[in-house]
Protein backbone atom coordinates (compact mmCIF):
# COMPACT_ATOMS: atom_id res chain seq x y z
CA MET A 1 105.71 -139.22 171.07
CA GLN A 2 104.06 -136.12 171.17
CA ARG A 3 101.26 -134.90 168.54
CA ARG A 4 99.98 -131.90 166.99
CA THR A 5 96.65 -130.49 166.09
CA PHE A 6 94.88 -127.57 164.35
CA LEU A 7 94.88 -124.32 166.34
CA THR A 8 92.41 -121.72 164.99
CA GLY A 9 92.21 -117.78 165.77
CA THR A 10 94.54 -114.91 165.23
CA LEU A 11 97.71 -117.06 166.01
CA LEU A 12 96.58 -119.01 162.79
CA GLY A 13 96.50 -115.65 160.67
CA ALA A 14 99.97 -114.91 162.05
CA ALA A 15 101.51 -118.04 161.25
CA PHE A 16 100.22 -117.76 157.58
CA ALA A 17 101.84 -114.23 157.22
CA THR A 18 105.37 -115.62 158.61
CA GLY A 19 105.33 -118.77 156.64
CA SER A 20 105.38 -120.68 160.05
CA VAL A 21 103.44 -123.80 161.31
CA THR A 22 100.75 -123.65 163.42
CA ALA A 23 99.97 -126.55 165.68
CA LEU A 24 99.06 -127.61 169.38
CA THR A 25 100.40 -130.77 171.17
CA THR A 26 97.82 -133.13 172.22
CA GLY A 27 99.22 -136.20 173.59
CA ALA A 28 98.79 -139.36 171.75
CA SER A 29 95.89 -138.23 169.31
CA ALA A 30 96.42 -138.05 165.51
CA ALA A 31 98.13 -134.57 164.73
CA THR A 32 96.52 -131.85 162.42
CA VAL A 33 98.96 -129.31 161.48
CA THR A 34 98.92 -126.27 159.03
CA VAL A 35 101.65 -124.63 156.80
CA SER A 36 101.93 -121.72 154.60
CA SER A 37 105.31 -122.59 152.87
CA LEU A 38 106.43 -125.61 150.87
CA ALA A 39 109.43 -125.90 153.07
CA ASP A 40 107.46 -126.28 156.22
CA LEU A 41 105.06 -128.66 153.93
CA GLN A 42 108.31 -130.83 153.19
CA ARG A 43 109.34 -130.87 156.81
CA GLU A 44 106.05 -131.87 158.25
CA ILE A 45 105.49 -134.79 155.68
CA ASP A 46 109.03 -135.72 156.48
CA ARG A 47 108.25 -136.16 160.47
CA ALA A 48 104.66 -137.12 159.98
CA ALA A 49 103.45 -140.24 161.34
CA PRO A 50 100.23 -142.39 160.31
CA GLY A 51 96.93 -140.72 160.69
CA ASP A 52 98.38 -137.20 160.61
CA ARG A 53 96.69 -134.46 158.63
CA ILE A 54 99.01 -131.64 156.96
CA VAL A 55 97.15 -128.58 155.67
CA LEU A 56 98.61 -126.10 153.07
CA ALA A 57 97.49 -123.09 153.05
CA ASN A 58 95.50 -121.28 149.97
CA GLY A 59 97.94 -119.84 147.69
CA THR A 60 100.03 -120.22 144.55
CA TYR A 61 103.07 -122.13 145.23
CA ASP A 62 106.21 -122.58 142.84
CA VAL A 63 107.43 -125.93 143.56
CA PRO A 64 111.54 -126.87 143.02
CA ALA A 65 112.80 -128.92 140.85
CA GLY A 66 112.92 -131.96 143.28
CA GLY A 67 109.27 -131.66 143.99
CA ILE A 68 107.56 -132.41 147.20
CA ARG A 69 108.87 -135.56 148.27
CA ILE A 70 106.66 -138.32 149.88
CA SER A 71 109.38 -141.10 150.73
CA GLY A 72 109.51 -144.05 152.97
CA LYS A 73 105.80 -143.29 154.59
CA ARG A 74 104.01 -146.44 155.84
CA GLY A 75 100.99 -146.56 157.59
CA ALA A 76 99.39 -149.95 156.78
CA GLY A 77 95.96 -148.72 156.22
CA THR A 78 96.19 -145.59 158.39
CA HIS A 79 96.46 -142.82 156.03
CA LEU A 80 98.64 -139.71 156.45
CA THR A 81 96.57 -137.01 154.70
CA ILE A 82 97.99 -133.99 152.65
CA VAL A 83 95.49 -131.59 151.91
CA SER A 84 94.81 -128.11 150.61
CA GLN A 85 92.95 -125.42 152.86
CA SER A 86 90.01 -125.30 150.64
CA ARG A 87 89.25 -127.14 147.34
CA GLY A 88 91.34 -125.79 144.70
CA GLY A 89 92.82 -123.35 147.18
CA ALA A 90 96.42 -124.44 147.06
CA LEU A 91 97.88 -124.23 143.45
CA LEU A 92 101.01 -125.99 142.51
CA GLN A 93 103.15 -124.95 139.71
CA GLY A 94 106.57 -126.09 138.32
CA ASP A 95 107.91 -129.09 136.71
CA ARG A 96 106.68 -131.51 139.30
CA SER A 97 104.32 -131.46 142.30
CA PHE A 98 104.33 -134.52 144.61
CA VAL A 99 107.12 -136.91 144.08
CA LEU A 100 106.28 -140.16 145.75
CA GLY A 101 108.44 -143.41 146.36
CA ASN A 102 108.35 -146.30 148.78
CA SER A 103 105.20 -145.39 150.60
CA ASP A 104 101.68 -146.61 151.43
CA SER A 105 98.41 -145.08 152.95
CA VAL A 106 98.75 -141.54 151.79
CA THR A 107 95.63 -139.29 150.60
CA ILE A 108 96.54 -136.11 148.53
CA SER A 109 93.59 -133.82 148.52
CA GLY A 110 92.19 -130.64 147.19
CA PHE A 111 95.18 -129.23 145.10
CA ALA A 112 95.26 -127.51 141.92
CA PHE A 113 97.73 -129.00 139.95
CA ARG A 114 99.64 -126.89 137.11
CA GLN A 115 102.80 -128.74 136.59
CA ARG A 116 104.35 -129.66 133.49
CA GLN A 117 105.71 -133.35 134.02
CA THR A 118 103.67 -136.32 135.02
CA LEU A 119 102.51 -137.14 138.41
CA VAL A 120 103.49 -140.83 138.70
CA ILE A 121 102.48 -143.07 141.50
CA PRO A 122 105.32 -145.67 141.29
CA ALA A 123 105.33 -149.18 141.78
CA ASP A 124 106.96 -149.13 145.17
CA CYS A 125 103.90 -147.54 146.65
CA SER A 126 100.41 -148.78 147.50
CA ASP A 127 97.06 -147.55 148.98
CA ILE A 128 97.65 -143.91 147.58
CA ARG A 129 94.37 -141.98 147.04
CA LEU A 130 93.95 -138.84 144.94
CA THR A 131 90.90 -137.11 145.82
CA ARG A 132 88.99 -133.76 145.33
CA ASN A 133 91.78 -132.24 142.98
CA ASP A 134 91.89 -130.18 139.96
CA PHE A 135 94.06 -131.07 137.36
CA LYS A 136 95.31 -128.81 134.29
CA PHE A 137 98.50 -129.37 133.82
CA ALA A 138 100.85 -127.30 131.20
CA ASP A 139 99.14 -128.08 127.86
CA LEU A 140 102.35 -129.81 126.62
CA ALA A 141 102.39 -132.65 124.06
CA GLY A 142 103.16 -136.13 124.86
CA VAL A 143 102.88 -135.77 128.65
CA ASP A 144 100.33 -137.86 130.34
CA TRP A 145 98.96 -136.07 133.31
CA VAL A 146 98.46 -138.88 136.12
CA VAL A 147 100.31 -142.35 135.81
CA VAL A 148 99.64 -145.15 138.19
CA LYS A 149 101.98 -147.80 138.26
CA ALA A 150 101.08 -148.95 141.84
CA ASN A 151 98.74 -151.38 143.22
CA GLY A 152 95.57 -150.23 145.16
CA VAL A 153 95.27 -146.77 143.97
CA LYS A 154 91.81 -144.92 144.26
CA VAL A 155 91.34 -141.75 141.99
CA ASP A 156 88.04 -140.18 142.90
CA ARG A 157 86.26 -136.64 142.83
CA ASN A 158 88.78 -135.33 140.66
CA HIS A 159 88.68 -132.81 137.64
CA PHE A 160 90.77 -133.35 134.71
CA HIS A 161 90.02 -130.67 131.82
CA ASP A 162 90.80 -128.63 129.40
CA ARG A 163 93.86 -129.97 127.07
CA THR A 164 94.34 -129.56 123.40
CA THR A 165 97.57 -131.46 123.00
CA GLN A 166 98.47 -135.48 122.72
CA GLY A 167 98.70 -137.41 125.77
CA VAL A 168 96.43 -139.23 128.42
CA PHE A 169 94.57 -137.85 131.53
CA LEU A 170 95.03 -140.98 133.44
CA VAL A 171 97.26 -143.91 132.80
CA ALA A 172 96.98 -147.17 134.44
CA ASP A 173 100.39 -148.80 133.84
CA GLY A 174 102.72 -150.84 135.95
CA PRO A 175 106.36 -151.38 137.25
CA ASP A 176 108.95 -150.32 134.91
CA ALA A 177 111.14 -153.32 136.05
CA PRO A 178 109.06 -156.65 136.61
CA THR A 179 110.06 -159.04 138.86
CA ASP A 180 109.82 -161.80 136.59
CA PRO A 181 111.54 -160.66 133.65
CA ASN A 182 109.38 -162.88 131.28
CA ARG A 183 106.27 -161.27 132.35
CA GLU A 184 104.79 -157.57 132.45
CA THR A 185 102.72 -156.90 135.18
CA MET A 186 99.95 -154.41 135.75
CA ALA A 187 99.04 -152.14 138.48
CA ARG A 188 96.08 -153.77 140.08
CA GLY A 189 92.95 -152.55 141.81
CA LEU A 190 92.89 -149.27 140.49
CA THR A 191 89.54 -147.59 141.45
CA VAL A 192 88.41 -144.72 139.39
CA LEU A 193 85.19 -143.07 140.93
CA ARG A 194 83.18 -139.73 140.38
CA ASN A 195 85.69 -137.94 138.23
CA HIS A 196 85.02 -135.44 135.56
CA PHE A 197 86.92 -135.60 132.56
CA ALA A 198 86.13 -132.77 130.06
CA ARG A 199 87.18 -130.89 126.92
CA HIS A 200 90.15 -132.72 125.37
CA THR A 201 90.20 -131.15 121.94
CA TYR A 202 93.43 -132.82 120.48
CA PRO A 203 92.66 -133.06 116.86
CA GLY A 204 94.78 -136.37 116.14
CA THR A 205 93.47 -139.83 115.86
CA ASN A 206 95.84 -141.46 118.48
CA GLY A 207 97.19 -140.97 122.01
CA GLY A 208 94.53 -138.37 123.59
CA GLU A 209 92.40 -140.85 125.61
CA ALA A 210 90.88 -139.82 128.74
CA ILE A 211 91.66 -143.01 130.53
CA ARG A 212 93.88 -146.07 129.42
CA LEU A 213 93.99 -148.84 131.42
CA GLY A 214 97.17 -150.76 130.50
CA VAL A 215 99.33 -150.99 127.18
CA SER A 216 99.55 -153.47 124.41
CA HIS A 217 102.38 -155.75 125.92
CA ARG A 218 100.71 -155.84 129.42
CA ALA A 219 97.30 -156.72 128.00
CA LEU A 220 97.01 -160.28 129.09
CA ASP A 221 97.67 -159.26 132.82
CA ASP A 222 94.94 -159.05 135.14
CA ALA A 223 94.38 -155.39 136.38
CA GLY A 224 91.00 -155.50 138.10
CA ALA A 225 90.42 -151.68 138.00
CA VAL A 226 86.98 -150.39 138.45
CA VAL A 227 86.15 -147.45 136.53
CA GLU A 228 82.56 -146.36 137.57
CA TYR A 229 80.13 -143.20 138.25
CA ASN A 230 82.61 -141.07 135.94
CA LEU A 231 81.36 -138.17 133.75
CA PHE A 232 83.17 -137.81 130.24
CA GLU A 233 82.28 -134.49 128.41
CA GLN A 234 83.76 -133.45 125.19
CA CYS A 235 86.70 -135.97 125.51
CA ASN A 236 87.79 -135.81 121.59
CA GLY A 237 91.58 -136.47 121.83
CA ASP A 238 91.00 -139.98 120.51
CA PRO A 239 88.33 -142.41 119.24
CA GLU A 240 88.74 -144.23 122.51
CA ALA A 241 87.86 -142.15 125.52
CA ILE A 242 88.22 -145.33 127.88
CA SER A 243 90.81 -147.55 126.32
CA VAL A 244 91.16 -150.98 127.84
CA LYS A 245 94.54 -152.74 127.21
CA SER A 246 94.36 -155.07 130.24
CA SER A 247 92.01 -157.78 131.64
CA ARG A 248 89.48 -158.34 133.99
CA ASN A 249 88.36 -154.87 134.46
CA THR A 250 85.19 -153.34 135.37
CA VAL A 251 83.60 -150.17 133.36
CA ARG A 252 80.09 -149.36 134.95
CA HIS A 253 77.49 -146.59 135.41
CA ASN A 254 79.52 -143.89 133.77
CA THR A 255 78.14 -141.49 131.13
CA LEU A 256 80.03 -140.25 128.06
CA ARG A 257 78.25 -137.19 126.64
CA ASP A 258 79.31 -135.58 123.40
CA CYS A 259 82.62 -137.39 123.15
CA ALA A 260 84.23 -138.14 120.01
CA GLY A 261 85.54 -141.48 122.20
CA GLY A 262 83.72 -144.35 123.24
CA ILE A 263 84.51 -147.24 125.47
CA VAL A 264 87.04 -149.38 123.70
CA LEU A 265 88.21 -152.87 124.90
CA ARG A 266 91.18 -152.71 122.65
CA HIS A 267 93.16 -155.44 124.51
CA GLY A 268 93.02 -157.97 127.06
CA ASN A 269 90.08 -160.56 127.90
CA GLY A 270 87.16 -160.64 130.65
CA THR A 271 86.16 -157.18 131.21
CA LEU A 272 82.47 -156.15 132.34
CA VAL A 273 80.94 -152.99 130.61
CA HIS A 274 77.61 -152.42 132.03
CA GLY A 275 75.23 -149.86 133.17
CA ASN A 276 76.87 -147.03 131.17
CA HIS A 277 75.27 -144.01 129.21
CA LEU A 278 76.80 -142.84 125.90
CA VAL A 279 74.74 -139.92 124.64
CA GLY A 280 75.38 -137.53 121.40
CA GLY A 281 78.78 -138.12 120.68
CA VAL A 282 80.59 -140.34 117.98
CA GLU A 283 82.03 -143.73 118.88
CA GLY A 284 79.74 -146.28 121.02
CA ILE A 285 81.52 -149.47 122.35
CA ARG A 286 84.20 -151.27 120.34
CA LEU A 287 85.18 -155.06 121.60
CA TYR A 288 88.20 -156.97 120.88
CA GLY A 289 89.54 -160.01 122.90
CA ASN A 290 87.92 -162.65 124.69
CA ASP A 291 84.98 -163.30 127.05
CA HIS A 292 83.82 -160.00 127.72
CA LYS A 293 80.55 -159.25 129.09
CA VAL A 294 78.30 -156.11 127.86
CA PHE A 295 74.92 -155.41 129.36
CA ASN A 296 72.47 -152.75 130.58
CA ASN A 297 74.30 -150.11 128.45
CA HIS A 298 72.09 -147.11 126.83
CA LEU A 299 73.34 -145.79 123.83
CA THR A 300 71.70 -142.95 121.95
CA GLY A 301 72.09 -140.16 119.25
CA LEU A 302 75.73 -141.26 118.30
CA SER A 303 76.76 -140.28 114.83
CA GLY A 304 79.23 -142.95 114.44
CA ARG A 305 79.11 -146.62 115.47
CA ALA A 306 77.17 -147.55 118.22
CA LEU A 307 78.43 -151.02 119.01
CA VAL A 308 81.23 -153.02 117.07
CA ILE A 309 82.10 -156.62 117.54
CA GLY A 310 85.55 -156.46 116.05
CA SER A 311 87.61 -158.73 113.87
CA GLY A 312 91.40 -159.45 114.29
CA THR A 313 94.80 -159.21 112.68
CA VAL A 314 95.52 -162.17 115.16
CA ARG A 315 93.14 -164.60 116.51
CA ASP A 316 94.31 -164.44 120.21
CA HIS A 317 97.27 -162.67 121.94
CA VAL A 318 99.63 -165.12 123.61
CA PRO A 319 102.39 -164.57 126.01
CA GLY A 320 105.84 -163.90 124.32
CA GLU A 321 104.44 -162.82 120.94
CA PRO A 322 106.52 -160.23 119.11
CA PRO A 323 105.84 -156.60 119.74
CA ALA A 324 104.47 -155.82 116.33
CA GLN A 325 101.83 -158.68 116.76
CA GLN A 326 101.17 -157.47 120.37
CA ARG A 327 99.79 -154.28 118.85
CA GLY A 328 97.47 -156.01 116.62
CA ASN A 329 93.68 -156.32 117.03
CA ASP A 330 92.69 -160.00 118.22
CA ALA A 331 89.31 -161.00 117.28
CA CYS A 332 86.25 -160.81 119.60
CA ASP A 333 85.57 -164.27 120.69
CA ARG A 334 82.82 -165.75 123.38
CA ALA A 335 81.58 -162.17 124.28
CA LEU A 336 78.02 -162.10 126.05
CA ILE A 337 76.09 -158.88 124.76
CA THR A 338 72.91 -158.52 126.48
CA HIS A 339 69.93 -156.30 127.56
CA ASN A 340 71.40 -153.31 125.67
CA SER A 341 69.37 -150.42 124.15
CA LEU A 342 70.68 -148.84 121.26
CA VAL A 343 68.44 -146.24 120.05
CA ARG A 344 68.69 -144.00 116.98
CA ASN A 345 72.49 -143.90 116.22
CA ALA A 346 73.87 -143.28 112.89
CA ARG A 347 74.99 -147.04 112.73
CA THR A 348 73.97 -149.37 115.08
CA LEU A 349 75.60 -152.90 115.33
CA VAL A 350 78.80 -153.25 113.19
CA GLY A 351 81.37 -155.42 112.25
CA GLU A 352 84.86 -155.36 110.51
CA ASP A 353 86.84 -157.10 107.66
CA ARG A 354 90.11 -158.11 109.14
CA ALA A 355 91.47 -161.82 108.38
CA HIS A 356 90.16 -163.13 111.71
CA GLU A 357 86.34 -163.17 112.19
CA PRO A 358 84.74 -162.74 115.71
CA ARG A 359 83.39 -166.20 116.99
CA ASP A 360 80.80 -167.76 119.49
CA VAL A 361 79.32 -164.27 120.47
CA VAL A 362 76.05 -164.42 122.13
CA LEU A 363 73.46 -161.45 121.44
CA SER A 364 70.32 -161.57 123.42
CA ASN A 365 67.54 -159.14 124.68
CA ASN A 366 68.90 -156.35 123.02
CA ILE A 367 66.66 -153.46 121.73
CA LEU A 368 67.90 -151.95 118.22
CA VAL A 369 66.08 -148.96 116.87
CA ALA A 370 67.05 -146.66 113.98
CA ASP A 371 65.50 -144.87 111.48
CA ALA A 372 67.82 -145.18 108.55
CA GLY A 373 70.71 -147.71 106.99
CA SER A 374 70.79 -151.13 108.45
CA LEU A 375 70.29 -151.99 112.26
CA VAL A 376 72.85 -155.02 111.94
CA ALA A 377 75.96 -154.59 109.58
CA LEU A 378 78.26 -157.73 110.69
CA ARG A 379 80.61 -158.87 108.28
CA GLN A 380 82.15 -162.48 108.57
CA ASN A 381 81.23 -164.07 111.99
CA THR A 382 81.43 -167.57 113.14
CA GLY A 383 79.09 -169.46 115.73
CA PHE A 384 77.09 -166.56 116.76
CA THR A 385 73.84 -167.08 119.00
CA TRP A 386 71.01 -164.52 118.30
CA GLN A 387 68.09 -164.89 120.89
CA GLY A 388 65.32 -162.47 122.04
CA ASN A 389 66.38 -159.27 120.49
CA LEU A 390 63.79 -156.63 119.32
CA LEU A 391 64.26 -154.33 116.25
CA TRP A 392 62.34 -151.46 115.20
CA GLY A 393 62.34 -148.36 113.04
CA GLY A 394 62.82 -147.23 109.48
CA ALA A 395 66.25 -148.95 109.15
CA ALA A 396 66.67 -152.25 107.48
CA ASP A 397 67.31 -155.40 109.63
CA GLY A 398 70.55 -155.96 108.04
CA THR A 399 72.53 -159.13 108.49
CA VAL A 400 70.75 -160.35 111.62
CA PRO A 401 69.80 -164.02 110.87
CA PRO A 402 66.14 -164.91 111.18
CA GLY A 403 64.78 -166.38 114.31
CA GLY A 404 67.12 -164.42 116.40
CA PHE A 405 64.66 -161.33 116.81
CA VAL A 406 61.21 -159.99 116.67
CA ARG A 407 60.48 -156.73 114.54
CA THR A 408 57.94 -154.87 116.50
CA ASP A 409 57.60 -151.33 118.47
CA PRO A 410 59.09 -151.28 121.63
CA ARG A 411 57.01 -148.51 122.76
CA LEU A 412 59.95 -146.59 124.33
CA GLN A 413 59.51 -143.29 125.75
CA GLN A 414 62.26 -140.74 126.44
CA GLY A 415 62.33 -139.24 129.64
CA ALA A 416 63.35 -135.74 130.80
CA ASP A 417 66.85 -137.28 131.53
CA GLY A 418 66.98 -138.66 127.72
CA VAL A 419 67.02 -142.27 128.71
CA HIS A 420 64.65 -144.16 126.42
CA ARG A 421 62.62 -146.62 129.01
CA LEU A 422 59.70 -149.07 128.37
CA SER A 423 56.10 -148.02 128.50
CA SER A 424 53.07 -149.70 129.63
CA GLY A 425 52.13 -152.35 127.55
CA SER A 426 55.60 -152.83 125.51
CA PRO A 427 55.99 -156.30 123.95
CA ALA A 428 59.54 -156.07 125.39
CA ILE A 429 58.08 -156.57 129.16
CA GLY A 430 58.42 -160.07 130.39
CA ALA A 431 59.85 -161.15 126.96
CA ALA A 432 63.61 -161.73 127.93
CA VAL A 433 65.22 -165.11 127.22
CA PRO A 434 67.61 -166.35 129.93
CA THR A 435 71.19 -165.33 129.97
CA THR A 436 74.31 -167.30 131.24
CA HIS A 437 75.49 -164.34 133.03
CA PRO A 438 73.33 -163.07 135.94
CA VAL A 439 71.59 -159.68 134.92
CA THR A 440 70.07 -159.13 138.46
CA ASP A 441 69.28 -155.29 138.01
CA ASP A 442 68.32 -152.83 135.25
CA LEU A 443 70.04 -149.37 133.75
CA ASP A 444 68.02 -147.43 136.58
CA GLY A 445 69.32 -150.01 139.28
CA HIS A 446 65.70 -151.35 139.70
CA PRO A 447 65.82 -155.46 140.38
CA ARG A 448 64.76 -157.42 137.35
CA GLY A 449 63.27 -160.18 139.24
CA SER A 450 62.41 -163.60 137.47
CA SER A 451 60.54 -162.03 134.65
CA ARG A 452 63.09 -160.02 132.84
CA ASP A 453 62.35 -157.40 130.01
CA ILE A 454 64.25 -156.97 126.81
CA GLY A 455 66.77 -154.10 126.56
CA SER A 456 68.47 -151.91 129.30
CA ASP A 457 65.28 -150.96 131.06
CA GLN A 458 63.12 -153.03 133.31
CA TYR A 459 59.75 -151.59 133.25
CA THR A 460 58.29 -150.01 136.33
CA THR A 461 56.81 -146.80 137.51
CA SER A 462 59.27 -146.39 140.43
CA ALA A 463 61.86 -143.31 139.97
CA PRO A 464 65.33 -144.43 138.64
CA LEU A 465 67.90 -145.21 141.16
CA ARG A 466 70.82 -144.38 138.92
CA SER A 467 70.77 -141.89 136.02
CA PRO A 468 72.85 -140.14 133.56
CA LEU A 469 75.38 -138.24 135.52
CA THR A 470 76.01 -134.28 135.40
CA ALA A 471 78.49 -132.04 136.82
CA ALA A 472 77.01 -131.76 140.12
CA ASP A 473 77.29 -135.89 140.53
CA VAL A 474 80.97 -135.69 140.25
CA GLY A 475 84.22 -133.82 140.50
CA PRO A 476 85.80 -132.31 143.75
CA HIS A 477 82.50 -131.16 145.40
CA ALA A 478 80.65 -134.19 144.79
CA ALA A 479 79.27 -136.04 147.69
């Protein structure tokens, strides 16, 4: 088979002007071809081989009703890449943009998406990558922007921004018709990396999340999603900026700044939440379900609840329960909450009063600092273990039992990046008790070693290896 590669120079400019394809045959090497019309783009996609790269010239394109079809492309790990000439330079508008089916190993990069309907990665696909795109769909109520139903999808270095209506920026879902009729299944292995989610101003109380991992009736299925190094700014469309409704996920090293929504493990079990910064917004971290681990998080300046250990309308969700019961909260059981710093939030550590109380939660090595109210305002709970926590400030101790904490000044210093870290001579240094889950480094990426400190920071004079994210760290132009 003969292959094509990119041709530069005056011939390229002429090709753009006429809407033709610019290419050069080069034998067996993978091809790069540049097109300047959607008809040529579709033709090149239809005949592309694994490893090919198709470049769409900058411009504004009205996508026909059927969309740009990517069907039957199988690369077994060798990606077909479809890319805008420059990042954000090719703008796609219309009802839809790319319509995928029965494909794997496809990368879509650098486009400005301005469509009206959902971009779906269907369940008959896998190993699809959306990278360095700009997502700002038509501001229509009830339209989720990107829905992932396939396994092994990567969504990285994109910008999702500026929405005023109900709907979610990014949803992890699952197949519409599972193979086993008795069991719904989640899309598995989603990676969400270095994206910028910004300015969702929907004023409602539900349905405006930035990310939703799953849905109530899929909550007991393992998704194995990893949401890491993303920046959320002014994500105010829902009390849940990151809503987890599936099991065995990881939410780490994200920054939520000035967001009404927080990180909420709404349904499901066994999720890790660590190394996140929640700064200056409303909601913090809220937990339901079983066997979660929450550590190395830094929460400061929140006007709402920093950490909620949830009670339930049911004890536990089980397979086959009625739909109404599937939507209920299940009590938080057997969570480990350790090495977190909650500093000067309006409400620090709180509970709820549903029928089923949380049970067997371990709270260890946390720093709680506030100047008013109560540091701990838990309702009914059973079998909680409190160890090695440090409390300080003008706020009352609250409902924390004696023996599970000390009240002393942790000697925190707030850095230029807003993070409260230990200073020399802090009583938190070397005072942590052992944990059942290994916490080998701290919020900044420094190793904890054998003598571990209380809170999210391990004292050192070395510069942080990780810091709160800024717009320069995420989005289409991030490294």
